[in-house]
Amino acid sequence: MSTSKETVAHVLGQLEPLDVRARAMFGEYGLYCDEKIVALICDDTVFVKPSEAAEEYLDEVSLAPPYPGAKDYLAIPPERLADTDWLHEFIRRTADALPQPRKKKPRSR
């Protein structure tokens, strides 16, 4: 089962006005905040990348792999997605805790 475009639009709407974008990846989506991948949306569920900040912020930690063979991520309960203040803070803290992505080397021609 893959994630619906409606779910992605809803999650992005909940995260406005944060600088967050979604990118399609293998039938699912990656969520980027400040150009760092902070979460995945798989099977219509938001999975946040684990970090010290994220673990401290969640009341109930629900670890689960977003897809078979993946490392565990923090699954956000659907009722928490409705709390935009909580969601903004959670995503912001996660992005702040993650390192900057490595710059890719240019391809040789």
PDB file of N, CA and C in Angstrom:
ATOM      1  N   MET A   1       0.852  -1.187   0.000  1.00  0.00           N
ATOM      2  CA  MET A   1       0.000   0.000   0.000  1.00  0.00           C
ATOM      3  C   MET A   1       0.886   1.235   0.000  1.00  0.00           C
ATOM      4  N   SER A   2       0.520   2.216  -0.779  1.00  0.00           N
ATOM      5  CA  SER A   2       1.312   3.441  -0.813  1.00  0.00           C
ATOM      6  C   SER A   2       0.522   4.598  -0.214  1.00  0.00           C
ATOM      7  N   THR A   3       1.220   5.663   0.024  1.00  0.00           N
ATOM      8  CA  THR A   3       0.628   6.852   0.633  1.00  0.00           C
ATOM      9  C   THR A   3      -0.150   7.646  -0.410  1.00  0.00           C
ATOM     10  N   SER A   4      -1.313   8.143  -0.021  1.00  0.00           N
ATOM     11  CA  SER A   4      -2.122   8.944  -0.940  1.00  0.00           C
ATOM     12  C   SER A   4      -1.602  10.382  -0.994  1.00  0.00           C
ATOM     13  N   LYS A   5      -1.802  11.012  -2.123  1.00  0.00           N
ATOM     14  CA  LYS A   5      -1.406  12.413  -2.279  1.00  0.00           C
ATOM     15  C   LYS A   5      -2.199  13.311  -1.333  1.00  0.00           C
ATOM     16  N   GLU A   6      -3.417  12.902  -0.997  1.00  0.00           N
ATOM     17  CA  GLU A   6      -4.239  13.673  -0.059  1.00  0.00           C
ATOM     18  C   GLU A   6      -3.603  13.699   1.329  1.00  0.00           C
ATOM     19  N   THR A   7      -3.037  12.564   1.750  1.00  0.00           N
ATOM     20  CA  THR A   7      -2.359  12.508   3.051  1.00  0.00           C
ATOM     21  C   THR A   7      -1.166  13.446   3.065  1.00  0.00           C
ATOM     22  N   VAL A   8      -0.382  13.428   2.009  1.00  0.00           N
ATOM     23  CA  VAL A   8       0.799  14.300   1.922  1.00  0.00           C
ATOM     24  C   VAL A   8       0.369  15.761   1.961  1.00  0.00           C
ATOM     25  N   ALA A   9      -0.675  16.116   1.208  1.00  0.00           N
ATOM     26  CA  ALA A   9      -1.165  17.499   1.200  1.00  0.00           C
ATOM     27  C   ALA A   9      -1.656  17.905   2.586  1.00  0.00           C
ATOM     28  N   HIS A  10      -2.340  16.995   3.275  1.00  0.00           N
ATOM     29  CA  HIS A  10      -2.828  17.285   4.633  1.00  0.00           C
ATOM     30  C   HIS A  10      -1.668  17.528   5.599  1.00  0.00           C
ATOM     31  N   VAL A  11      -0.656  16.673   5.565  1.00  0.00           N
ATOM     32  CA  VAL A  11       0.501  16.824   6.455  1.00  0.00           C
ATOM     33  C   VAL A  11       1.226  18.132   6.157  1.00  0.00           C
ATOM     34  N   LEU A  12       1.441  18.438   4.891  1.00  0.00           N
ATOM     35  CA  LEU A  12       2.110  19.701   4.538  1.00  0.00           C
ATOM     36  C   LEU A  12       1.279  20.894   4.987  1.00  0.00           C
ATOM     37  N   GLY A  13      -0.037  20.804   4.875  1.00  0.00           N
ATOM     38  CA  GLY A  13      -0.913  21.877   5.349  1.00  0.00           C
ATOM     39  C   GLY A  13      -0.796  22.064   6.858  1.00  0.00           C
ATOM     40  N   GLN A  14      -0.698  20.966   7.587  1.00  0.00           N
ATOM     41  CA  GLN A  14      -0.552  21.038   9.044  1.00  0.00           C
ATOM     42  C   GLN A  14       0.783  21.662   9.437  1.00  0.00           C
ATOM     43  N   LEU A  15       1.788  21.536   8.583  1.00  0.00           N
ATOM     44  CA  LEU A  15       3.123  22.037   8.906  1.00  0.00           C
ATOM     45  C   LEU A  15       3.372  23.470   8.446  1.00  0.00           C
ATOM     46  N   GLU A  16       2.419  24.070   7.729  1.00  0.00           N
ATOM     47  CA  GLU A  16       2.594  25.475   7.327  1.00  0.00           C
ATOM     48  C   GLU A  16       2.654  26.346   8.563  1.00  0.00           C
ATOM     49  N   PRO A  17       3.474  27.351   8.621  1.00  0.00           N
ATOM     50  CA  PRO A  17       4.342  27.949   7.621  1.00  0.00           C
ATOM     51  C   PRO A  17       5.798  27.477   7.693  1.00  0.00           C
ATOM     52  N   LEU A  18       6.083  26.338   8.317  1.00  0.00           N
ATOM     53  CA  LEU A  18       7.457  25.833   8.347  1.00  0.00           C
ATOM     54  C   LEU A  18       7.966  25.596   6.926  1.00  0.00           C
ATOM     55  N   ASP A  19       9.277  25.677   6.762  1.00  0.00           N
ATOM     56  CA  ASP A  19       9.919  25.420   5.477  1.00  0.00           C
ATOM     57  C   ASP A  19      10.041  23.905   5.305  1.00  0.00           C
ATOM     58  N   VAL A  20       8.928  23.265   4.943  1.00  0.00           N
ATOM     59  CA  VAL A  20       8.875  21.814   4.798  1.00  0.00           C
ATOM     60  C   VAL A  20       8.385  21.484   3.399  1.00  0.00           C
ATOM     61  N   ARG A  21       9.009  20.482   2.796  1.00  0.00           N
ATOM     62  CA  ARG A  21       8.568  20.019   1.484  1.00  0.00           C
ATOM     63  C   ARG A  21       8.568  18.499   1.485  1.00  0.00           C
ATOM     64  N   ALA A  22       7.787  17.933   0.593  1.00  0.00           N
ATOM     65  CA  ALA A  22       7.718  16.480   0.447  1.00  0.00           C
ATOM     66  C   ALA A  22       8.318  16.098  -0.897  1.00  0.00           C
ATOM     67  N   ARG A  23       8.975  14.955  -0.902  1.00  0.00           N
ATOM     68  CA  ARG A  23       9.562  14.456  -2.138  1.00  0.00           C
ATOM     69  C   ARG A  23       9.156  12.993  -2.292  1.00  0.00           C
ATOM     70  N   ALA A  24       8.624  12.652  -3.455  1.00  0.00           N
ATOM     71  CA  ALA A  24       8.228  11.272  -3.725  1.00  0.00           C
ATOM     72  C   ALA A  24       9.462  10.383  -3.752  1.00  0.00           C
ATOM     73  N   MET A  25       9.338   9.233  -3.073  1.00  0.00           N
ATOM     74  CA  MET A  25      10.449   8.286  -3.009  1.00  0.00           C
ATOM     75  C   MET A  25       9.884   6.870  -3.013  1.00  0.00           C
ATOM     76  N   PHE A  26      10.012   6.160  -4.106  1.00  0.00           N
ATOM     77  CA  PHE A  26       9.613   4.751  -4.195  1.00  0.00           C
ATOM     78  C   PHE A  26       8.157   4.516  -3.802  1.00  0.00           C
ATOM     79  N   GLY A  27       7.257   5.374  -4.223  1.00  0.00           N
ATOM     80  CA  GLY A  27       5.840   5.224  -3.917  1.00  0.00           C
ATOM     81  C   GLY A  27       5.438   5.806  -2.576  1.00  0.00           C
ATOM     82  N   GLU A  28       6.393   6.270  -1.809  1.00  0.00           N
ATOM     83  CA  GLU A  28       6.138   6.902  -0.515  1.00  0.00           C
ATOM     84  C   GLU A  28       6.748   8.304  -0.585  1.00  0.00           C
ATOM     85  N   TYR A  29       6.891   8.976   0.567  1.00  0.00           N
ATOM     86  CA  TYR A  29       7.379  10.354   0.556  1.00  0.00           C
ATOM     87  C   TYR A  29       8.368  10.611   1.682  1.00  0.00           C
ATOM     88  N   GLY A  30       9.340  11.465   1.390  1.00  0.00           N
ATOM     89  CA  GLY A  30      10.252  11.976   2.405  1.00  0.00           C
ATOM     90  C   GLY A  30       9.856  13.400   2.722  1.00  0.00           C
ATOM     91  N   LEU A  31       9.908  13.775   4.002  1.00  0.00           N
ATOM     92  CA  LEU A  31       9.635  15.153   4.419  1.00  0.00           C
ATOM     93  C   LEU A  31      10.950  15.831   4.765  1.00  0.00           C
ATOM     94  N   TYR A  32      11.179  16.974   4.156  1.00  0.00           N
ATOM     95  CA  TYR A  32      12.399  17.741   4.368  1.00  0.00           C
ATOM     96  C   TYR A  32      12.071  19.041   5.081  1.00  0.00           C
ATOM     97  N   CYS A  33      12.845  19.366   6.092  1.00  0.00           N
ATOM     98  CA  CYS A  33      12.740  20.646   6.790  1.00  0.00           C
ATOM     99  C   CYS A  33      14.139  21.238   6.802  1.00  0.00           C
ATOM    100  N   ASP A  34      14.285  22.438   6.305  1.00  0.00           N
ATOM    101  CA  ASP A  34      15.601  23.074   6.177  1.00  0.00           C
ATOM    102  C   ASP A  34      16.570  22.183   5.416  1.00  0.00           C
ATOM    103  N   GLU A  35      16.058  21.516   4.380  1.00  0.00           N
ATOM    104  CA  GLU A  35      16.817  20.629   3.500  1.00  0.00           C
ATOM    105  C   GLU A  35      17.373  19.385   4.198  1.00  0.00           C
ATOM    106  N   LYS A  36      16.855  19.067   5.375  1.00  0.00           N
ATOM    107  CA  LYS A  36      17.222  17.837   6.090  1.00  0.00           C
ATOM    108  C   LYS A  36      16.010  16.907   6.061  1.00  0.00           C
ATOM    109  N   ILE A  37      16.237  15.633   5.799  1.00  0.00           N
ATOM    110  CA  ILE A  37      15.121  14.701   5.816  1.00  0.00           C
ATOM    111  C   ILE A  37      14.795  14.394   7.276  1.00  0.00           C
ATOM    112  N   VAL A  38      13.596  14.801   7.689  1.00  0.00           N
ATOM    113  CA  VAL A  38      13.196  14.669   9.088  1.00  0.00           C
ATOM    114  C   VAL A  38      12.164  13.575   9.301  1.00  0.00           C
ATOM    115  N   ALA A  39      11.470  13.182   8.229  1.00  0.00           N
ATOM    116  CA  ALA A  39      10.407  12.194   8.395  1.00  0.00           C
ATOM    117  C   ALA A  39      10.104  11.519   7.063  1.00  0.00           C
ATOM    118  N   LEU A  40       9.403  10.406   7.171  1.00  0.00           N
ATOM    119  CA  LEU A  40       8.890   9.696   6.013  1.00  0.00           C
ATOM    120  C   LEU A  40       7.384   9.569   6.173  1.00  0.00           C
ATOM    121  N   ILE A  41       6.675   9.580   5.064  1.00  0.00           N
ATOM    122  CA  ILE A  41       5.242   9.273   5.093  1.00  0.00           C
ATOM    123  C   ILE A  41       5.097   7.977   4.311  1.00  0.00           C
ATOM    124  N   CYS A  42       4.761   6.918   5.033  1.00  0.00           N
ATOM    125  CA  CYS A  42       4.621   5.597   4.442  1.00  0.00           C
ATOM    126  C   CYS A  42       3.294   5.000   4.885  1.00  0.00           C
ATOM    127  N   ASP A  43       2.557   4.437   3.946  1.00  0.00           N
ATOM    128  CA  ASP A  43       1.244   3.858   4.238  1.00  0.00           C
ATOM    129  C   ASP A  43       0.361   4.838   5.012  1.00  0.00           C
ATOM    130  N   ASP A  44       0.408   6.101   4.618  1.00  0.00           N
ATOM    131  CA  ASP A  44      -0.412   7.175   5.210  1.00  0.00           C
ATOM    132  C   ASP A  44      -0.110   7.423   6.683  1.00  0.00           C
ATOM    133  N   THR A  45       1.100   7.058   7.133  1.00  0.00           N
ATOM    134  CA  THR A  45       1.542   7.300   8.508  1.00  0.00           C
ATOM    135  C   THR A  45       2.820   8.119   8.461  1.00  0.00           C
ATOM    136  N   VAL A  46       2.950   9.092   9.377  1.00  0.00           N
ATOM    137  CA  VAL A  46       4.148   9.919   9.453  1.00  0.00           C
ATOM    138  C   VAL A  46       5.121   9.262  10.435  1.00  0.00           C
ATOM    139  N   PHE A  47       6.338   9.006   9.951  1.00  0.00           N
ATOM    140  CA  PHE A  47       7.405   8.416  10.749  1.00  0.00           C
ATOM    141  C   PHE A  47       8.532   9.434  10.848  1.00  0.00           C
ATOM    142  N   VAL A  48       8.825   9.902  12.065  1.00  0.00           N
ATOM    143  CA  VAL A  48       9.857  10.916  12.271  1.00  0.00           C
ATOM    144  C   VAL A  48      11.183  10.236  12.585  1.00  0.00           C
ATOM    145  N   LYS A  49      12.227  10.797  12.016  1.00  0.00           N
ATOM    146  CA  LYS A  49      13.564  10.269  12.231  1.00  0.00           C
ATOM    147  C   LYS A  49      13.917  10.360  13.716  1.00  0.00           C
ATOM    148  N   PRO A  50      14.446   9.299  14.293  1.00  0.00           N
ATOM    149  CA  PRO A  50      14.796   9.343  15.720  1.00  0.00           C
ATOM    150  C   PRO A  50      15.937  10.326  15.993  1.00  0.00           C
ATOM    151  N   SER A  51      15.814  11.046  17.090  1.00  0.00           N
ATOM    152  CA  SER A  51      16.868  11.941  17.578  1.00  0.00           C
ATOM    153  C   SER A  51      16.617  12.142  19.062  1.00  0.00           C
ATOM    154  N   GLU A  52      17.623  12.640  19.774  1.00  0.00           N
ATOM    155  CA  GLU A  52      17.425  12.895  21.210  1.00  0.00           C
ATOM    156  C   GLU A  52      16.286  13.880  21.432  1.00  0.00           C
ATOM    157  N   ALA A  53      16.226  14.903  20.620  1.00  0.00           N
ATOM    158  CA  ALA A  53      15.171  15.917  20.771  1.00  0.00           C
ATOM    159  C   ALA A  53      13.805  15.299  20.538  1.00  0.00           C
ATOM    160  N   ALA A  54      13.684  14.466  19.530  1.00  0.00           N
ATOM    161  CA  ALA A  54      12.392  13.864  19.214  1.00  0.00           C
ATOM    162  C   ALA A  54      11.937  12.927  20.320  1.00  0.00           C
ATOM    163  N   GLU A  55      12.845  12.113  20.822  1.00  0.00           N
ATOM    164  CA  GLU A  55      12.483  11.162  21.867  1.00  0.00           C
ATOM    165  C   GLU A  55      12.066  11.871  23.150  1.00  0.00           C
ATOM    166  N   GLU A  56      12.692  13.004  23.447  1.00  0.00           N
ATOM    167  CA  GLU A  56      12.332  13.770  24.644  1.00  0.00           C
ATOM    168  C   GLU A  56      10.969  14.436  24.476  1.00  0.00           C
ATOM    169  N   TYR A  57      10.590  14.732  23.256  1.00  0.00           N
ATOM    170  CA  TYR A  57       9.367  15.475  23.002  1.00  0.00           C
ATOM    171  C   TYR A  57       8.129  14.600  22.954  1.00  0.00           C
ATOM    172  N   LEU A  58       8.280  13.353  22.574  1.00  0.00           N
ATOM    173  CA  LEU A  58       7.131  12.452  22.470  1.00  0.00           C
ATOM    174  C   LEU A  58       6.715  11.915  23.827  1.00  0.00           C
ATOM    175  N   ASP A  59       5.411  11.934  24.087  1.00  0.00           N
ATOM    176  CA  ASP A  59       4.884  11.349  25.315  1.00  0.00           C
ATOM    177  C   ASP A  59       4.964   9.829  25.236  1.00  0.00           C
ATOM    178  N   GLU A  60       4.418   9.312  24.181  1.00  0.00           N
ATOM    179  CA  GLU A  60       4.417   7.871  23.959  1.00  0.00           C
ATOM    180  C   GLU A  60       5.248   7.587  22.716  1.00  0.00           C
ATOM    181  N   VAL A  61       6.321   6.853  22.904  1.00  0.00           N
ATOM    182  CA  VAL A  61       7.178   6.532  21.776  1.00  0.00           C
ATOM    183  C   VAL A  61       6.690   5.240  21.138  1.00  0.00           C
ATOM    184  N   SER A  62       6.363   5.341  19.870  1.00  0.00           N
ATOM    185  CA  SER A  62       5.921   4.182  19.113  1.00  0.00           C
ATOM    186  C   SER A  62       6.936   3.954  18.005  1.00  0.00           C
ATOM    187  N   LEU A  63       7.892   3.091  18.269  1.00  0.00           N
ATOM    188  CA  LEU A  63       8.910   2.798  17.277  1.00  0.00           C
ATOM    189  C   LEU A  63       8.402   1.733  16.318  1.00  0.00           C
ATOM    190  N   ALA A  64       8.605   1.985  15.033  1.00  0.00           N
ATOM    191  CA  ALA A  64       8.186   1.034  14.013  1.00  0.00           C
ATOM    192  C   ALA A  64       8.963   1.330  12.733  1.00  0.00           C
ATOM    193  N   PRO A  65       9.229   0.306  11.936  1.00  0.00           N
ATOM    194  CA  PRO A  65       9.881   0.576  10.654  1.00  0.00           C
ATOM    195  C   PRO A  65       8.861   1.126   9.658  1.00  0.00           C
ATOM    196  N   PRO A  66       9.209   2.170   8.922  1.00  0.00           N
ATOM    197  CA  PRO A  66       8.271   2.733   7.952  1.00  0.00           C
ATOM    198  C   PRO A  66       8.014   1.805   6.756  1.00  0.00           C
ATOM    199  N   TYR A  67       8.949   0.902   6.483  1.00  0.00           N
ATOM    200  CA  TYR A  67       8.794  -0.076   5.407  1.00  0.00           C
ATOM    201  C   TYR A  67       9.639  -1.289   5.778  1.00  0.00           C
ATOM    202  N   PRO A  68       9.359  -2.440   5.205  1.00  0.00           N
ATOM    203  CA  PRO A  68      10.098  -3.654   5.568  1.00  0.00           C
ATOM    204  C   PRO A  68      11.603  -3.489   5.380  1.00  0.00           C
ATOM    205  N   GLY A  69      12.354  -3.867   6.397  1.00  0.00           N
ATOM    206  CA  GLY A  69      13.810  -3.803   6.340  1.00  0.00           C
ATOM    207  C   GLY A  69      14.399  -2.475   6.785  1.00  0.00           C
ATOM    208  N   ALA A  70      13.561  -1.485   7.087  1.00  0.00           N
ATOM    209  CA  ALA A  70      14.051  -0.165   7.505  1.00  0.00           C
ATOM    210  C   ALA A  70      14.338  -0.148   9.001  1.00  0.00           C
ATOM    211  N   LYS A  71      15.159   0.819   9.405  1.00  0.00           N
ATOM    212  CA  LYS A  71      15.378   1.056  10.828  1.00  0.00           C
ATOM    213  C   LYS A  71      14.089   1.621  11.418  1.00  0.00           C
ATOM    214  N   ASP A  72      13.958   1.496  12.734  1.00  0.00           N
ATOM    215  CA  ASP A  72      12.773   2.031  13.395  1.00  0.00           C
ATOM    216  C   ASP A  72      12.765   3.554  13.395  1.00  0.00           C
ATOM    217  N   TYR A  73      11.600   4.110  13.152  1.00  0.00           N
ATOM    218  CA  TYR A  73      11.345   5.547  13.227  1.00  0.00           C
ATOM    219  C   TYR A  73      10.258   5.754  14.273  1.00  0.00           C
ATOM    220  N   LEU A  74       9.999   6.987  14.629  1.00  0.00           N
ATOM    221  CA  LEU A  74       8.957   7.318  15.598  1.00  0.00           C
ATOM    222  C   LEU A  74       7.651   7.577  14.854  1.00  0.00           C
ATOM    223  N   ALA A  75       6.690   6.705  15.023  1.00  0.00           N
ATOM    224  CA  ALA A  75       5.403   6.841  14.347  1.00  0.00           C
ATOM    225  C   ALA A  75       4.540   7.847  15.103  1.00  0.00           C
ATOM    226  N   ILE A  76       4.038   8.854  14.395  1.00  0.00           N
ATOM    227  CA  ILE A  76       3.197   9.867  15.023  1.00  0.00           C
ATOM    228  C   ILE A  76       1.749   9.378  15.002  1.00  0.00           C
ATOM    229  N   PRO A  77       1.117   9.317  16.180  1.00  0.00           N
ATOM    230  CA  PRO A  77      -0.292   8.916  16.215  1.00  0.00           C
ATOM    231  C   PRO A  77      -1.150   9.918  15.433  1.00  0.00           C
ATOM    232  N   PRO A  78      -2.187   9.452  14.721  1.00  0.00           N
ATOM    233  CA  PRO A  78      -3.018  10.350  13.902  1.00  0.00           C
ATOM    234  C   PRO A  78      -3.604  11.526  14.684  1.00  0.00           C
ATOM    235  N   GLU A  79      -3.975  11.324  15.937  1.00  0.00           N
ATOM    236  CA  GLU A  79      -4.562  12.421  16.712  1.00  0.00           C
ATOM    237  C   GLU A  79      -3.548  13.534  16.986  1.00  0.00           C
ATOM    238  N   ARG A  80      -2.243  13.203  16.976  1.00  0.00           N
ATOM    239  CA  ARG A  80      -1.219  14.225  17.194  1.00  0.00           C
ATOM    240  C   ARG A  80      -1.026  15.104  15.968  1.00  0.00           C
ATOM    241  N   LEU A  81      -1.354  14.597  14.786  1.00  0.00           N
ATOM    242  CA  LEU A  81      -1.225  15.395  13.565  1.00  0.00           C
ATOM    243  C   LEU A  81      -2.162  16.592  13.577  1.00  0.00           C
ATOM    244  N   ALA A  82      -3.252  16.500  14.314  1.00  0.00           N
ATOM    245  CA  ALA A  82      -4.219  17.604  14.384  1.00  0.00           C
ATOM    246  C   ALA A  82      -3.722  18.744  15.261  1.00  0.00           C
ATOM    247  N   ASP A  83      -2.776  18.482  16.145  1.00  0.00           N
ATOM    248  CA  ASP A  83      -2.231  19.492  17.058  1.00  0.00           C
ATOM    249  C   ASP A  83      -1.064  20.196  16.366  1.00  0.00           C
ATOM    250  N   THR A  84      -1.371  21.261  15.623  1.00  0.00           N
ATOM    251  CA  THR A  84      -0.347  21.913  14.803  1.00  0.00           C
ATOM    252  C   THR A  84       0.783  22.520  15.626  1.00  0.00           C
ATOM    253  N   ASP A  85       0.485  23.081  16.791  1.00  0.00           N
ATOM    254  CA  ASP A  85       1.555  23.643  17.620  1.00  0.00           C
ATOM    255  C   ASP A  85       2.541  22.558  18.026  1.00  0.00           C
ATOM    256  N   TRP A  86       2.024  21.426  18.467  1.00  0.00           N
ATOM    257  CA  TRP A  86       2.860  20.299  18.867  1.00  0.00           C
ATOM    258  C   TRP A  86       3.668  19.787  17.681  1.00  0.00           C
ATOM    259  N   LEU A  87       2.996  19.632  16.540  1.00  0.00           N
ATOM    260  CA  LEU A  87       3.641  19.098  15.349  1.00  0.00           C
ATOM    261  C   LEU A  87       4.749  20.021  14.851  1.00  0.00           C
ATOM    262  N   HIS A  88       4.496  21.321  14.821  1.00  0.00           N
ATOM    263  CA  HIS A  88       5.527  22.289  14.401  1.00  0.00           C
ATOM    264  C   HIS A  88       6.759  22.182  15.289  1.00  0.00           C
ATOM    265  N   GLU A  89       6.539  22.178  16.599  1.00  0.00           N
ATOM    266  CA  GLU A  89       7.652  22.123  17.549  1.00  0.00           C
ATOM    267  C   GLU A  89       8.425  20.813  17.406  1.00  0.00           C
ATOM    268  N   PHE A  90       7.709  19.724  17.249  1.00  0.00           N
ATOM    269  CA  PHE A  90       8.335  18.412  17.118  1.00  0.00           C
ATOM    270  C   PHE A  90       9.215  18.355  15.869  1.00  0.00           C
ATOM    271  N   ILE A  91       8.703  18.789  14.736  1.00  0.00           N
ATOM    272  CA  ILE A  91       9.468  18.771  13.488  1.00  0.00           C
ATOM    273  C   ILE A  91      10.627  19.758  13.568  1.00  0.00           C
ATOM    274  N   ARG A  92      10.402  20.939  14.132  1.00  0.00           N
ATOM    275  CA  ARG A  92      11.472  21.939  14.265  1.00  0.00           C
ATOM    276  C   ARG A  92      12.606  21.398  15.138  1.00  0.00           C
ATOM    277  N   ARG A  93      12.271  20.816  16.280  1.00  0.00           N
ATOM    278  CA  ARG A  93      13.311  20.266  17.170  1.00  0.00           C
ATOM    279  C   ARG A  93      14.070  19.128  16.505  1.00  0.00           C
ATOM    280  N   THR A  94      13.368  18.307  15.767  1.00  0.00           N
ATOM    281  CA  THR A  94      14.022  17.206  15.070  1.00  0.00           C
ATOM    282  C   THR A  94      14.988  17.749  14.029  1.00  0.00           C
ATOM    283  N   ALA A  95      14.558  18.720  13.235  1.00  0.00           N
ATOM    284  CA  ALA A  95      15.431  19.310  12.216  1.00  0.00           C
ATOM    285  C   ALA A  95      16.652  19.958  12.853  1.00  0.00           C
ATOM    286  N   ASP A  96      16.452  20.648  13.970  1.00  0.00           N
ATOM    287  CA  ASP A  96      17.572  21.303  14.648  1.00  0.00           C
ATOM    288  C   ASP A  96      18.580  20.291  15.192  1.00  0.00           C
ATOM    289  N   ALA A  97      18.106  19.100  15.570  1.00  0.00           N
ATOM    290  CA  ALA A  97      18.980  18.088  16.162  1.00  0.00           C
ATOM    291  C   ALA A  97      19.764  17.296  15.108  1.00  0.00           C
ATOM    292  N   LEU A  98      19.305  17.316  13.878  1.00  0.00           N
ATOM    293  CA  LEU A  98      19.959  16.529  12.831  1.00  0.00           C
ATOM    294  C   LEU A  98      21.105  17.308  12.194  1.00  0.00           C
ATOM    295  N   PRO A  99      22.162  16.605  11.777  1.00  0.00           N
ATOM    296  CA  PRO A  99      23.290  17.292  11.127  1.00  0.00           C
ATOM    297  C   PRO A  99      22.912  17.757   9.731  1.00  0.00           C
ATOM    298  N   GLN A 100      23.654  18.730   9.237  1.00  0.00           N
ATOM    299  CA  GLN A 100      23.457  19.193   7.870  1.00  0.00           C
ATOM    300  C   GLN A 100      23.779  18.058   6.910  1.00  0.00           C
ATOM    301  N   PRO A 101      23.029  17.939   5.817  1.00  0.00           N
ATOM    302  CA  PRO A 101      23.342  16.882   4.852  1.00  0.00           C
ATOM    303  C   PRO A 101      24.707  17.120   4.208  1.00  0.00           C
ATOM    304  N   ARG A 102      25.375  16.031   3.885  1.00  0.00           N
ATOM    305  CA  ARG A 102      26.676  16.145   3.221  1.00  0.00           C
ATOM    306  C   ARG A 102      26.479  16.652   1.803  1.00  0.00           C
ATOM    307  N   LYS A 103      27.393  17.470   1.370  1.00  0.00           N
ATOM    308  CA  LYS A 103      27.326  17.973  -0.007  1.00  0.00           C
ATOM    309  C   LYS A 103      27.763  16.865  -0.958  1.00  0.00           C
ATOM    310  N   LYS A 104      27.000  16.728  -2.031  1.00  0.00           N
ATOM    311  CA  LYS A 104      27.310  15.707  -3.017  1.00  0.00           C
ATOM    312  C   LYS A 104      28.423  16.193  -3.932  1.00  0.00           C
ATOM    313  N   LYS A 105      29.307  15.269  -4.282  1.00  0.00           N
ATOM    314  CA  LYS A 105      30.376  15.599  -5.224  1.00  0.00           C
ATOM    315  C   LYS A 105      29.786  15.686  -6.613  1.00  0.00           C
ATOM    316  N   PRO A 106      30.267  16.622  -7.405  1.00  0.00           N
ATOM    317  CA  PRO A 106      29.757  16.707  -8.776  1.00  0.00           C
ATOM    318  C   PRO A 106      30.168  15.464  -9.571  1.00  0.00           C
ATOM    319  N   ARG A 107      29.279  15.045 -10.461  1.00  0.00           N
ATOM    320  CA  ARG A 107      29.560  13.872 -11.292  1.00  0.00           C
ATOM    321  C   ARG A 107      30.634  14.200 -12.330  1.00  0.00           C
ATOM    322  N   SER A 108      31.496  13.242 -12.542  1.00  0.00           N
ATOM    323  CA  SER A 108      32.505  13.386 -13.601  1.00  0.00           C
ATOM    324  C   SER A 108      31.870  13.008 -14.928  1.00  0.00           C
ATOM    325  N   ARG A 109      32.235  13.732 -15.956  1.00  0.00           N
ATOM    326  CA  ARG A 109      31.672  13.426 -17.278  1.00  0.00           C
ATOM    327  C   ARG A 109      32.666  12.712 -18.121  1.00  0.00           C
TER     328      ARG A 109
END
